[in-house]
Protein backbone atom coordinates (compact mmCIF):
# COMPACT_ATOMS: atom_id res chain seq x y z
CA MET A 1 32.03 23.98 32.98
CA PRO A 2 32.57 21.60 30.29
CA TYR A 3 33.80 22.18 27.16
CA ARG A 4 31.37 23.11 24.39
CA LYS A 5 32.45 21.87 20.61
CA THR A 6 31.42 25.14 18.18
CA PRO A 7 29.28 24.84 15.37
CA ALA A 8 32.64 24.36 12.78
CA GLU A 9 34.10 21.32 14.81
CA VAL A 10 30.53 19.89 14.66
CA ARG A 11 30.33 20.15 11.37
CA ARG A 12 33.73 18.54 10.70
CA LEU A 13 32.99 15.90 12.97
CA GLU A 14 29.44 15.18 10.97
CA ALA A 15 31.37 15.21 7.90
CA ALA A 16 34.38 13.08 9.27
CA ARG A 17 31.95 10.81 10.17
CA ASP A 18 29.30 10.89 6.58
CA HIS A 19 32.69 9.83 5.09
CA LEU A 20 33.36 7.28 7.12
CA VAL A 21 30.35 5.32 6.43
CA ALA A 22 30.53 6.09 3.08
CA CYS A 23 33.83 4.34 2.89
CA ALA A 24 32.54 2.07 5.09
CA THR A 25 29.35 0.76 2.88
CA ALA A 26 31.60 0.72 -0.52
CA VAL A 27 33.82 -1.75 1.40
CA VAL A 28 30.86 -3.91 2.76
CA ALA A 29 29.21 -3.84 -0.45
CA GLU A 30 32.92 -5.23 -2.33
CA VAL A 31 33.51 -7.64 0.17
CA GLY A 32 30.76 -8.40 2.61
CA TRP A 33 30.23 -8.02 6.25
CA SER A 34 32.88 -10.38 7.96
CA GLN A 35 35.60 -8.86 5.36
CA ALA A 36 34.93 -5.79 6.02
CA SER A 37 37.36 -5.18 9.14
CA VAL A 38 37.70 -1.50 10.47
CA THR A 39 41.40 -1.40 9.25
CA ALA A 40 39.93 -2.14 6.14
CA VAL A 41 38.21 0.68 6.43
CA ALA A 42 39.71 3.03 7.57
CA ASP A 43 42.27 2.37 5.19
CA SER A 44 39.59 3.36 3.00
CA ALA A 45 38.28 6.49 4.64
CA GLY A 46 42.28 7.27 4.65
CA ILE A 47 42.33 7.24 8.33
CA ALA A 48 44.42 5.24 11.16
CA ALA A 49 42.19 2.18 12.07
CA GLY A 50 42.16 4.18 15.73
CA SER A 51 40.68 7.07 14.19
CA VAL A 52 37.22 4.89 13.20
CA TYR A 53 36.74 4.52 17.37
CA GLN A 54 36.54 8.82 17.61
CA HIS A 55 33.41 7.81 15.33
CA PHE A 56 31.78 4.64 16.44
CA PRO A 57 32.58 2.82 19.93
CA SER A 58 32.83 -1.01 18.01
CA LYS A 59 32.98 -2.61 14.54
CA SER A 60 29.24 -3.86 15.41
CA ALA A 61 28.04 -0.11 15.84
CA LEU A 62 29.86 1.13 12.41
CA ALA A 63 27.91 -1.57 10.54
CA VAL A 64 24.74 -0.88 12.12
CA GLU A 65 25.01 2.93 10.82
CA VAL A 66 26.16 1.23 7.44
CA PHE A 67 22.97 -1.01 7.49
CA ARG A 68 20.42 1.86 9.06
CA ARG A 69 21.18 4.40 6.03
CA ALA A 70 21.81 1.59 3.45
CA ALA A 71 18.81 0.10 4.03
CA GLY A 72 16.76 3.38 5.02
CA HIS A 73 17.21 4.74 1.51
CA GLU A 74 15.66 1.73 0.57
CA VAL A 75 12.79 2.32 2.40
CA GLU A 76 12.64 5.49 1.64
CA VAL A 77 12.62 5.13 -2.63
CA LEU A 78 9.85 2.38 -2.57
CA GLY A 79 7.85 4.19 -0.11
CA GLN A 80 7.96 7.63 -2.42
CA VAL A 81 7.15 4.61 -5.12
CA LEU A 82 4.01 3.05 -3.34
CA ASP A 83 2.64 6.20 -2.66
CA GLY A 84 3.15 7.72 -5.98
CA PRO A 85 0.89 8.08 -9.27
CA GLY A 86 -1.25 5.38 -10.43
CA THR A 87 -3.80 2.94 -8.93
CA ALA A 88 -2.99 0.56 -6.75
CA VAL A 89 -1.98 -2.47 -8.96
CA GLU A 90 -0.01 -0.35 -10.98
CA ARG A 91 2.31 1.20 -7.91
CA LEU A 92 2.69 -2.49 -6.55
CA ALA A 93 4.15 -3.68 -9.75
CA HIS A 94 6.16 -0.49 -9.80
CA GLY A 95 7.49 -0.90 -6.43
CA VAL A 96 8.44 -4.58 -7.16
CA GLU A 97 10.44 -3.39 -10.21
CA VAL A 98 12.31 -0.33 -8.90
CA PHE A 99 13.58 -2.10 -5.94
CA ALA A 100 14.60 -5.55 -7.42
CA ARG A 101 16.16 -3.20 -10.86
CA ARG A 102 17.81 -0.69 -7.81
CA ALA A 103 19.20 -4.29 -6.05
CA LEU A 104 20.56 -5.54 -9.06
CA GLU A 105 22.15 -1.95 -10.23
CA ASN A 106 24.32 -2.28 -6.97
CA ARG A 107 24.31 -6.35 -6.60
CA GLY A 108 27.37 -5.90 -3.76
CA LEU A 109 25.85 -3.93 -1.13
CA ALA A 110 22.07 -5.11 -1.87
CA TYR A 111 23.37 -8.36 -1.11
CA ALA A 112 24.93 -7.61 1.93
CA LEU A 113 21.52 -5.94 3.29
CA LEU A 114 19.38 -8.72 2.16
CA ALA A 115 21.15 -11.82 2.87
CA ALA A 116 24.98 -11.79 3.71
CA PRO A 117 25.95 -13.46 6.67
CA ALA A 118 26.64 -10.65 9.52
CA GLU A 119 26.51 -10.35 12.99
CA PRO A 120 23.54 -10.09 15.34
CA ALA A 121 23.17 -6.57 15.58
CA VAL A 122 22.94 -6.62 11.92
CA GLY A 123 20.79 -9.14 11.85
CA ALA A 124 18.06 -7.44 13.68
CA GLU A 125 18.42 -4.36 12.10
CA ARG A 126 17.47 -6.74 8.78
CA LEU A 127 14.29 -7.93 10.56
CA ASP A 128 13.28 -4.60 11.36
CA PHE A 129 13.46 -3.36 8.13
CA ARG A 130 12.21 -6.01 6.76
CA ARG A 131 8.55 -5.40 8.86
CA ARG A 132 9.17 -1.91 7.24
CA TYR A 133 8.68 -3.40 3.78
CA ARG A 134 5.94 -5.07 4.65
CA ALA A 135 4.34 -2.42 6.37
CA LEU A 136 4.46 -0.27 3.00
CA PHE A 137 3.22 -3.48 0.92
CA ALA A 138 0.44 -4.05 3.49
CA GLU A 139 -0.96 -0.40 3.21
CA VAL A 140 -0.50 -0.83 -0.94
CA VAL A 141 -2.53 -3.56 -0.90
CA ARG A 142 -5.25 -2.49 1.45
CA ASP A 143 -5.53 0.49 -0.92
CA GLY A 144 -6.35 -1.74 -3.96
CA MET A 145 -8.95 -3.70 -1.70
CA THR A 146 -10.45 -0.46 -1.03
CA ALA A 147 -10.41 0.30 -4.43
CA GLY A 148 -12.02 -2.82 -5.54
CA LEU A 149 -8.64 -3.81 -7.55
CA LEU A 150 -7.95 -6.44 -5.35
CA PRO A 151 -9.78 -9.42 -4.05
CA ALA A 152 -10.13 -9.26 0.17
CA GLN A 153 -7.67 -10.62 1.80
CA ASN A 154 -5.13 -10.25 4.56
CA GLY A 155 -3.08 -7.30 3.01
CA GLU A 156 0.35 -7.76 6.14
CA ILE A 157 -0.19 -11.81 5.19
CA THR A 158 0.06 -10.63 1.56
CA ALA A 159 2.75 -8.15 1.80
CA ALA A 160 4.74 -10.45 4.63
CA ALA A 161 4.82 -13.09 1.15
CA LEU A 162 6.14 -10.19 -1.17
CA THR A 163 8.48 -9.70 0.99
CA GLY A 164 10.37 -12.33 1.79
CA ALA A 165 9.67 -13.63 -1.53
CA ILE A 166 11.01 -11.06 -3.46
CA GLY A 167 14.08 -11.51 -1.19
CA GLU A 168 14.43 -14.74 -1.93
CA VAL A 169 13.95 -14.49 -5.73
CA LEU A 170 16.39 -12.18 -5.73
CA VAL A 171 19.95 -13.60 -3.76
CA ASP A 172 20.89 -16.22 -6.55
CA PRO A 173 21.06 -13.58 -9.34
CA LEU A 174 23.16 -10.88 -6.51
CA GLY A 175 25.35 -13.43 -6.05
CA ALA A 176 26.36 -14.48 -9.71
CA PRO A 177 25.18 -11.83 -11.48
CA ASP A 178 23.91 -12.48 -15.05
CA GLU A 179 23.36 -9.28 -17.32
CA ASP A 180 21.20 -10.83 -19.92
CA ALA A 181 18.93 -12.24 -17.50
CA THR A 182 17.94 -8.96 -16.14
CA VAL A 183 14.90 -7.98 -18.00
CA GLU A 184 13.68 -11.66 -17.69
CA LEU A 185 13.41 -11.36 -14.04
CA LEU A 186 12.28 -8.05 -13.63
CA ALA A 187 8.68 -9.47 -15.66
CA GLU A 188 8.65 -12.22 -13.62
CA LEU A 189 9.07 -10.54 -10.49
CA ARG A 190 6.04 -8.14 -11.16
CA ALA A 191 4.14 -11.37 -12.52
CA MET A 192 4.59 -12.85 -8.79
CA ALA A 193 3.63 -9.76 -7.03
CA LEU A 194 0.71 -9.24 -9.32
CA ARG A 195 -0.74 -13.02 -8.97
CA CYS A 196 0.37 -13.20 -4.85
CA ALA A 197 -1.99 -10.22 -4.10
CA GLY A 198 -4.58 -11.66 -6.69
CA ALA A 199 -4.47 -8.48 -9.27
CA PRO A 200 -4.27 -8.48 -12.69
CA SER A 201 -1.40 -7.81 -14.81
CA VAL A 202 -0.10 -4.21 -16.14
């Protein structure tokens, strides 16, 4: 009869895995994907490098989990804002501002999620999450059209343009932080998003 882990063992392993992912996320935020070696992550977690492989079969698998968790949280936050109170135009403007503000408050991790060079497996995850961002923006654009607040348009194309433009605008500020420019940058991003969707300023 095969050995079955007890509930306590399962919880311990899950906690150890979560701790490892949290440490790996911090390392990636500090040094980027290429420098986030298994040894660096293990040192941060206070374990031997070989112990990492008890939880993940490869560095790539660990990197993918880091990306999924971090990006998944950002998608969840944006979704809550875009589905929150206010008109579609207000939600769109607020969503763009919240997304950008959160990125600027954690520049290292945001740069890693949006633009930093990464191995193919992480690149594939990045593309998948871009689709998820587009879907959220497309939904609020459609809401705006239904309410007569936005002109008729292809919501999917507008959402793709928004997703790409926001990421592109943030790349340089994330790589070379200038705290004094944050307020102006957020205002410009809001205005850009509304122009892209054909909405008045709010």
